[in-house]
Every structure is written in C-alpha cells, then in structure tokens.
Protein backbone atom coordinates (compact mmCIF):
# COMPACT_ATOMS: atom_id res chain seq x y z
CA LEU A 1 108.47 148.52 211.09
CA PRO A 2 108.12 152.29 210.80
CA VAL A 3 105.61 152.11 213.68
CA LYS A 4 106.79 153.43 217.06
CA THR A 5 104.19 151.69 219.25
CA VAL A 6 102.62 148.24 218.87
CA TYR A 7 99.71 147.28 221.15
CA THR A 8 98.41 143.70 221.03
CA GLU A 9 95.50 142.46 223.12
CA GLY A 10 94.41 138.83 223.35
CA PRO A 11 93.49 136.25 224.21
CA ALA A 12 95.91 134.92 221.62
CA THR A 13 98.85 132.51 221.45
CA LEU A 14 101.96 133.11 219.37
CA THR A 15 104.07 129.97 218.91
CA PHE A 16 107.73 129.98 217.85
CA ASN A 17 108.97 126.38 217.53
CA LYS A 18 111.94 126.80 215.19
CA LEU A 19 114.17 129.24 217.03
CA THR A 20 117.85 128.45 217.47
CA GLU A 21 119.51 128.76 220.86
CA ASN A 22 120.32 132.50 220.84
CA LYS A 23 117.58 133.82 218.55
CA ALA A 24 114.64 135.86 219.84
CA ALA A 25 110.98 135.45 218.96
CA LEU A 26 110.49 139.23 219.35
CA THR A 27 113.20 141.90 219.34
CA LEU A 28 112.48 145.44 220.48
CA SER A 29 114.93 148.17 219.46
CA ALA A 30 115.30 151.78 218.33
CA ASN A 31 113.24 153.15 221.24
CA LYS A 32 110.04 151.42 220.11
CA LYS A 33 107.21 150.48 222.49
CA LEU A 34 105.58 147.05 222.67
CA TYR A 35 102.48 146.39 224.80
CA LEU A 36 101.22 142.81 225.19
CA LYS A 37 97.96 142.20 227.06
CA GLY A 38 96.53 138.69 227.48
CA ILE A 39 99.03 137.22 225.02
CA THR A 40 100.81 133.86 225.37
CA LEU A 41 104.24 133.50 223.75
CA ARG A 42 105.25 129.86 223.44
CA GLY A 43 108.51 128.39 222.20
CA ASN A 44 110.93 125.53 222.66
CA ASN A 45 114.29 127.31 222.41
CA GLY A 46 115.87 130.74 222.29
CA ILE A 47 114.61 133.97 223.84
CA GLY A 48 110.99 135.04 224.15
CA ILE A 49 111.52 138.82 224.02
CA HIS A 50 114.85 140.61 223.64
CA VAL A 51 114.59 144.29 224.55
CA LYS A 52 117.61 146.10 223.09
CA ALA A 53 116.16 149.57 223.56
CA GLY A 54 112.68 150.88 224.14
CA GLU A 55 109.78 150.02 226.40
CA LEU A 56 108.06 146.68 227.04
CA ARG A 57 104.75 146.44 228.90
CA LEU A 58 103.25 143.09 229.81
CA GLN A 59 99.79 142.70 231.31
CA GLY A 60 98.45 139.20 231.93
CA ALA A 61 101.03 137.81 229.53
CA THR A 62 102.41 134.27 229.61
CA ILE A 63 105.87 133.52 228.23
CA LYS A 64 106.90 129.88 228.38
CA GLY A 65 109.11 127.22 226.85
CA PHE A 66 112.00 129.51 225.92
CA ASP A 67 115.52 129.26 227.34
CA TYR A 68 115.04 132.87 228.52
CA GLY A 69 111.64 134.54 228.87
CA VAL A 70 112.70 138.20 228.65
CA ILE A 71 116.16 139.70 228.49
CA SER A 72 116.94 143.40 228.33
CA GLU A 73 119.92 145.63 227.80
CA LYS A 74 120.67 149.03 229.30
CA ASP A 75 118.38 151.99 228.56
CA THR A 76 115.24 149.85 228.50
CA SER A 77 112.02 150.06 230.47
CA LEU A 78 109.98 147.02 231.56
CA TYR A 79 106.54 147.20 233.17
CA ALA A 80 104.69 144.01 234.09
CA TRP A 81 101.38 143.21 235.77
CA ASP A 82 99.96 139.73 236.42
CA GLN A 83 102.48 138.13 234.07
CA ARG A 84 103.72 134.56 234.12
CA ILE A 85 107.20 134.07 232.73
CA GLY A 86 108.42 130.47 232.70
CA TYR A 87 111.75 129.03 231.73
CA LYS A 88 112.66 125.82 229.99
CA LYS A 89 113.61 123.10 232.46
CA SER A 90 116.59 120.84 231.96
CA ILE A 91 115.91 117.12 232.23
C-alpha cells in the first residue's frame, strides 16, 4: 500500500486459516507503521505478524494459533500494552 501508517481499532477478529508453515498473515516493511487496538488475529499455522522494518504497536491485541505470534528483524520497533500473544502447542 502507498499508505505509511495503518491504524485499526476493534473489537474485530481477523482469521487466517490457510497459511503455510513460514508464511505471515501480516508483513510490515519499508518503514511503515501498523497500530492494532482491540484486534484478534487467529490462525492455525505460520506467523501472525512479521515485522521486517517499521513500527508495530499492539494495544489489547490477541494473537493466537500461529506457530509464531510476532517475529521481527533488526531496525524495527515494537510497543505493546495489555496484549496476549499465544503460540501453537504441539500435541
């Protein structure tokens, strides 16, 4: 997107059920900013949010069911308040 900042406020649930093992539901790059407030990201594989570059802010967010909730690379900023990040459990 040509947008530099995306702000999303819930309550809302975003479900990603068809991700492969190393794919991300959301990818943040090119020094963009993503703010999620009151949002639930739900999946059954892959990565919830992959921050390659930029800024991620989570407030009251729930990320569950993914192999990895949030992963980030160098030169990224992560701010989180009242978040719940769960990981997929092996049986």
